[in-house]
Amino acid sequence: MTAFMPVTLRFCDNKTMLVGSIAQAATALRRQWPDKTATAYLDAARLVRLAIDGSCRQRVAFEAFTKAAGQQGLLVTKPRSRAHEWLDAAAGP
């Protein structure tokens, strides 16, 4: 089981990876990214390292990671399932 809702990334080499934990995020950060000098990437790498060391909340680090991946166009979007639509409808007014 993953610690977070997993996200799928497609890297520059066209390989994909499912990421749902800080350890997996650290591995993903070592893969091919379009710009490893981008501020969001550097922030995510720093926060993931701090989360592994225990001096940063994992949620904060994972959110920074997904933000960096989104900014660089690595997030693979999937259509919402019928179950998600049903749950949204049930939770709505």
N, C-alpha and C. Protein backbone atom coordinates (compact mmCIF):
# COMPACT_ATOMS: atom_id res chain seq x y z
N MET A 1 0.84 -1.18 0.00
CA MET A 1 0.00 0.00 0.00
C MET A 1 0.89 1.24 0.00
N THR A 2 0.46 2.24 -0.73
CA THR A 2 1.23 3.47 -0.82
C THR A 2 0.80 4.46 0.25
N ALA A 3 1.67 5.39 0.57
CA ALA A 3 1.37 6.39 1.59
C ALA A 3 0.46 7.48 1.05
N PHE A 4 0.51 7.72 -0.26
CA PHE A 4 -0.27 8.79 -0.88
C PHE A 4 -1.02 8.24 -2.09
N MET A 5 -1.96 9.04 -2.58
CA MET A 5 -2.64 8.66 -3.81
C MET A 5 -1.59 8.63 -4.91
N PRO A 6 -1.33 7.48 -5.50
CA PRO A 6 -0.24 7.36 -6.48
C PRO A 6 -0.46 8.24 -7.71
N VAL A 7 0.64 8.74 -8.23
CA VAL A 7 0.63 9.50 -9.48
C VAL A 7 1.54 8.76 -10.47
N THR A 8 1.19 8.85 -11.73
CA THR A 8 2.01 8.24 -12.77
C THR A 8 2.79 9.33 -13.48
N LEU A 9 4.09 9.10 -13.64
CA LEU A 9 4.95 10.04 -14.35
C LEU A 9 5.45 9.40 -15.63
N ARG A 10 5.57 10.22 -16.67
CA ARG A 10 6.21 9.79 -17.92
C ARG A 10 7.44 10.67 -18.10
N PHE A 11 8.62 10.05 -18.04
CA PHE A 11 9.88 10.78 -18.09
C PHE A 11 10.30 11.07 -19.53
N CYS A 12 11.38 11.81 -19.66
CA CYS A 12 11.90 12.20 -20.98
C CYS A 12 12.26 11.01 -21.85
N ASP A 13 12.64 9.90 -21.22
CA ASP A 13 12.98 8.69 -21.99
C ASP A 13 11.74 7.86 -22.32
N ASN A 14 10.55 8.45 -22.08
CA ASN A 14 9.24 7.85 -22.36
C ASN A 14 8.90 6.67 -21.46
N LYS A 15 9.67 6.44 -20.40
CA LYS A 15 9.36 5.39 -19.43
C LYS A 15 8.44 5.98 -18.37
N THR A 16 7.56 5.14 -17.84
CA THR A 16 6.62 5.60 -16.82
C THR A 16 6.97 4.99 -15.47
N MET A 17 6.47 5.65 -14.43
CA MET A 17 6.69 5.17 -13.07
C MET A 17 5.50 5.59 -12.22
N LEU A 18 5.00 4.66 -11.42
CA LEU A 18 3.94 4.94 -10.47
C LEU A 18 4.60 5.33 -9.15
N VAL A 19 4.24 6.50 -8.64
CA VAL A 19 4.87 7.04 -7.42
C VAL A 19 3.79 7.28 -6.37
N GLY A 20 3.95 6.64 -5.21
CA GLY A 20 2.97 6.80 -4.15
C GLY A 20 3.59 6.90 -2.77
N SER A 21 4.90 7.10 -2.70
CA SER A 21 5.58 7.22 -1.41
C SER A 21 6.78 8.15 -1.56
N ILE A 22 7.32 8.57 -0.43
CA ILE A 22 8.49 9.45 -0.44
C ILE A 22 9.70 8.70 -1.01
N ALA A 23 9.85 7.43 -0.67
CA ALA A 23 10.97 6.65 -1.20
C ALA A 23 10.87 6.55 -2.72
N GLN A 24 9.67 6.34 -3.25
CA GLN A 24 9.49 6.29 -4.69
C GLN A 24 9.71 7.65 -5.33
N ALA A 25 9.32 8.72 -4.64
CA ALA A 25 9.56 10.07 -5.14
C ALA A 25 11.06 10.35 -5.24
N ALA A 26 11.82 9.90 -4.26
CA ALA A 26 13.28 10.08 -4.30
C ALA A 26 13.87 9.35 -5.50
N THR A 27 13.37 8.15 -5.77
CA THR A 27 13.84 7.40 -6.94
C THR A 27 13.46 8.13 -8.23
N ALA A 28 12.24 8.62 -8.29
CA ALA A 28 11.76 9.33 -9.48
C ALA A 28 12.56 10.60 -9.74
N LEU A 29 12.98 11.28 -8.70
CA LEU A 29 13.76 12.50 -8.86
C LEU A 29 15.13 12.23 -9.49
N ARG A 30 15.59 11.01 -9.41
CA ARG A 30 16.87 10.64 -10.03
C ARG A 30 16.73 10.24 -11.49
N ARG A 31 15.51 10.16 -11.98
CA ARG A 31 15.26 9.80 -13.38
C ARG A 31 15.43 11.02 -14.28
N GLN A 32 15.06 10.88 -15.56
CA GLN A 32 15.22 11.96 -16.54
C GLN A 32 14.08 12.96 -16.46
N TRP A 33 14.42 14.18 -16.06
CA TRP A 33 13.47 15.28 -16.00
C TRP A 33 13.88 16.31 -17.05
N PRO A 34 12.93 17.08 -17.58
CA PRO A 34 13.29 18.10 -18.57
C PRO A 34 14.26 19.15 -18.03
N ASP A 35 14.07 19.59 -16.77
CA ASP A 35 14.91 20.66 -16.23
C ASP A 35 15.17 20.44 -14.74
N LYS A 36 16.32 19.86 -14.45
CA LYS A 36 16.67 19.61 -13.05
C LYS A 36 17.22 20.86 -12.35
N THR A 37 17.25 21.98 -13.06
CA THR A 37 17.67 23.24 -12.43
C THR A 37 16.47 24.12 -12.08
N ALA A 38 15.27 23.68 -12.43
CA ALA A 38 14.06 24.45 -12.14
C ALA A 38 13.85 24.56 -10.63
N THR A 39 13.36 25.70 -10.21
CA THR A 39 13.15 25.96 -8.79
C THR A 39 12.25 24.91 -8.14
N ALA A 40 11.14 24.58 -8.80
CA ALA A 40 10.21 23.60 -8.23
C ALA A 40 10.87 22.23 -8.07
N TYR A 41 11.70 21.84 -9.04
CA TYR A 41 12.41 20.56 -8.95
C TYR A 41 13.38 20.58 -7.77
N LEU A 42 14.16 21.65 -7.66
CA LEU A 42 15.14 21.76 -6.58
C LEU A 42 14.45 21.77 -5.22
N ASP A 43 13.32 22.48 -5.11
CA ASP A 43 12.56 22.50 -3.86
C ASP A 43 12.05 21.10 -3.52
N ALA A 44 11.52 20.40 -4.52
CA ALA A 44 11.00 19.05 -4.28
C ALA A 44 12.11 18.11 -3.84
N ALA A 45 13.26 18.19 -4.51
CA ALA A 45 14.38 17.32 -4.15
C ALA A 45 14.83 17.59 -2.72
N ARG A 46 14.88 18.86 -2.34
CA ARG A 46 15.30 19.22 -0.98
C ARG A 46 14.29 18.71 0.05
N LEU A 47 13.00 18.92 -0.22
CA LEU A 47 11.97 18.52 0.74
C LEU A 47 11.85 17.00 0.85
N VAL A 48 12.04 16.30 -0.26
CA VAL A 48 12.01 14.83 -0.21
C VAL A 48 13.17 14.32 0.64
N ARG A 49 14.36 14.91 0.46
CA ARG A 49 15.50 14.51 1.30
C ARG A 49 15.21 14.78 2.78
N LEU A 50 14.62 15.95 3.07
CA LEU A 50 14.29 16.28 4.46
C LEU A 50 13.24 15.34 5.03
N ALA A 51 12.28 14.94 4.20
CA ALA A 51 11.23 14.01 4.65
C ALA A 51 11.85 12.64 4.97
N ILE A 52 12.79 12.21 4.16
CA ILE A 52 13.47 10.94 4.42
C ILE A 52 14.25 11.03 5.73
N ASP A 53 14.86 12.18 5.98
CA ASP A 53 15.60 12.38 7.23
C ASP A 53 14.68 12.57 8.44
N GLY A 54 13.40 12.83 8.19
CA GLY A 54 12.44 13.01 9.27
C GLY A 54 12.28 14.44 9.75
N SER A 55 12.86 15.39 9.02
CA SER A 55 12.75 16.78 9.46
C SER A 55 11.77 17.59 8.60
N CYS A 56 10.97 16.92 7.78
CA CYS A 56 9.92 17.56 6.99
C CYS A 56 8.75 16.60 6.92
N ARG A 57 7.55 17.14 6.96
CA ARG A 57 6.37 16.28 6.84
C ARG A 57 6.32 15.67 5.45
N GLN A 58 6.04 14.40 5.39
CA GLN A 58 6.00 13.70 4.11
C GLN A 58 4.97 14.28 3.17
N ARG A 59 3.83 14.69 3.69
CA ARG A 59 2.77 15.27 2.86
C ARG A 59 3.28 16.52 2.13
N VAL A 60 4.01 17.37 2.85
CA VAL A 60 4.56 18.60 2.25
C VAL A 60 5.52 18.25 1.12
N ALA A 61 6.39 17.28 1.37
CA ALA A 61 7.37 16.87 0.37
C ALA A 61 6.70 16.26 -0.85
N PHE A 62 5.69 15.43 -0.63
CA PHE A 62 5.02 14.77 -1.76
C PHE A 62 4.26 15.79 -2.60
N GLU A 63 3.64 16.77 -1.94
CA GLU A 63 2.95 17.82 -2.69
C GLU A 63 3.93 18.65 -3.52
N ALA A 64 5.09 18.94 -2.97
CA ALA A 64 6.13 19.66 -3.73
C ALA A 64 6.59 18.82 -4.92
N PHE A 65 6.71 17.53 -4.72
CA PHE A 65 7.12 16.62 -5.78
C PHE A 65 6.09 16.61 -6.91
N THR A 66 4.82 16.46 -6.57
CA THR A 66 3.79 16.42 -7.62
C THR A 66 3.67 17.77 -8.32
N LYS A 67 3.88 18.86 -7.59
CA LYS A 67 3.86 20.19 -8.20
C LYS A 67 4.98 20.30 -9.24
N ALA A 68 6.18 19.87 -8.87
CA ALA A 68 7.32 19.93 -9.79
C ALA A 68 7.07 19.06 -11.02
N ALA A 69 6.54 17.88 -10.81
CA ALA A 69 6.25 16.98 -11.93
C ALA A 69 5.19 17.59 -12.85
N GLY A 70 4.19 18.22 -12.26
CA GLY A 70 3.16 18.86 -13.07
C GLY A 70 3.70 20.02 -13.88
N GLN A 71 4.54 20.84 -13.26
CA GLN A 71 5.11 21.98 -13.97
C GLN A 71 5.98 21.55 -15.14
N GLN A 72 6.60 20.39 -15.03
CA GLN A 72 7.47 19.92 -16.11
C GLN A 72 6.76 18.99 -17.08
N GLY A 73 5.46 18.84 -16.91
CA GLY A 73 4.67 18.05 -17.85
C GLY A 73 4.89 16.54 -17.75
N LEU A 74 5.28 16.07 -16.58
CA LEU A 74 5.55 14.64 -16.41
C LEU A 74 4.34 13.86 -15.90
N LEU A 75 3.35 14.53 -15.35
CA LEU A 75 2.19 13.83 -14.80
C LEU A 75 1.33 13.26 -15.92
N VAL A 76 1.00 11.99 -15.80
CA VAL A 76 0.11 11.34 -16.75
C VAL A 76 -1.29 11.44 -16.18
N THR A 77 -2.18 12.09 -16.92
CA THR A 77 -3.55 12.24 -16.44
C THR A 77 -4.39 11.09 -16.98
N LYS A 78 -5.24 10.61 -16.12
CA LYS A 78 -6.13 9.52 -16.49
C LYS A 78 -7.56 10.00 -16.34
N PRO A 79 -8.46 9.53 -17.19
CA PRO A 79 -9.86 9.94 -17.03
C PRO A 79 -10.42 9.43 -15.71
N ARG A 80 -11.31 10.21 -15.14
CA ARG A 80 -11.93 9.80 -13.88
C ARG A 80 -12.79 8.56 -14.11
N SER A 81 -12.75 7.67 -13.13
CA SER A 81 -13.54 6.44 -13.23
C SER A 81 -15.00 6.74 -12.89
N ARG A 82 -15.87 5.81 -13.22
CA ARG A 82 -17.29 5.95 -12.86
C ARG A 82 -17.47 5.99 -11.35
N ALA A 83 -16.61 5.27 -10.65
CA ALA A 83 -16.70 5.26 -9.19
C ALA A 83 -16.43 6.66 -8.63
N HIS A 84 -15.44 7.36 -9.18
CA HIS A 84 -15.18 8.73 -8.74
C HIS A 84 -16.37 9.63 -9.03
N GLU A 85 -16.95 9.49 -10.21
CA GLU A 85 -18.13 10.30 -10.56
C GLU A 85 -19.28 10.01 -9.61
N TRP A 86 -19.48 8.74 -9.27
CA TRP A 86 -20.55 8.38 -8.37
C TRP A 86 -20.31 8.96 -6.98
N LEU A 87 -19.08 8.85 -6.48
CA LEU A 87 -18.76 9.40 -5.16
C LEU A 87 -18.90 10.92 -5.13
N ASP A 88 -18.48 11.60 -6.20
CA ASP A 88 -18.66 13.05 -6.27
C ASP A 88 -20.14 13.41 -6.24
N ALA A 89 -20.95 12.65 -6.99
CA ALA A 89 -22.38 12.92 -7.02
C ALA A 89 -23.02 12.66 -5.65
N ALA A 90 -22.59 11.60 -4.97
CA ALA A 90 -23.14 11.27 -3.66
C ALA A 90 -22.75 12.30 -2.61
N ALA A 91 -21.55 12.88 -2.76
CA ALA A 91 -21.08 13.85 -1.78
C ALA A 91 -21.64 15.25 -2.03
N GLY A 92 -22.13 15.48 -3.23
CA GLY A 92 -22.62 16.82 -3.60
C GLY A 92 -23.96 17.13 -2.97
N PRO A 93 -24.40 18.38 -3.13
CA PRO A 93 -25.69 18.81 -2.53
C PRO A 93 -26.89 18.18 -3.16
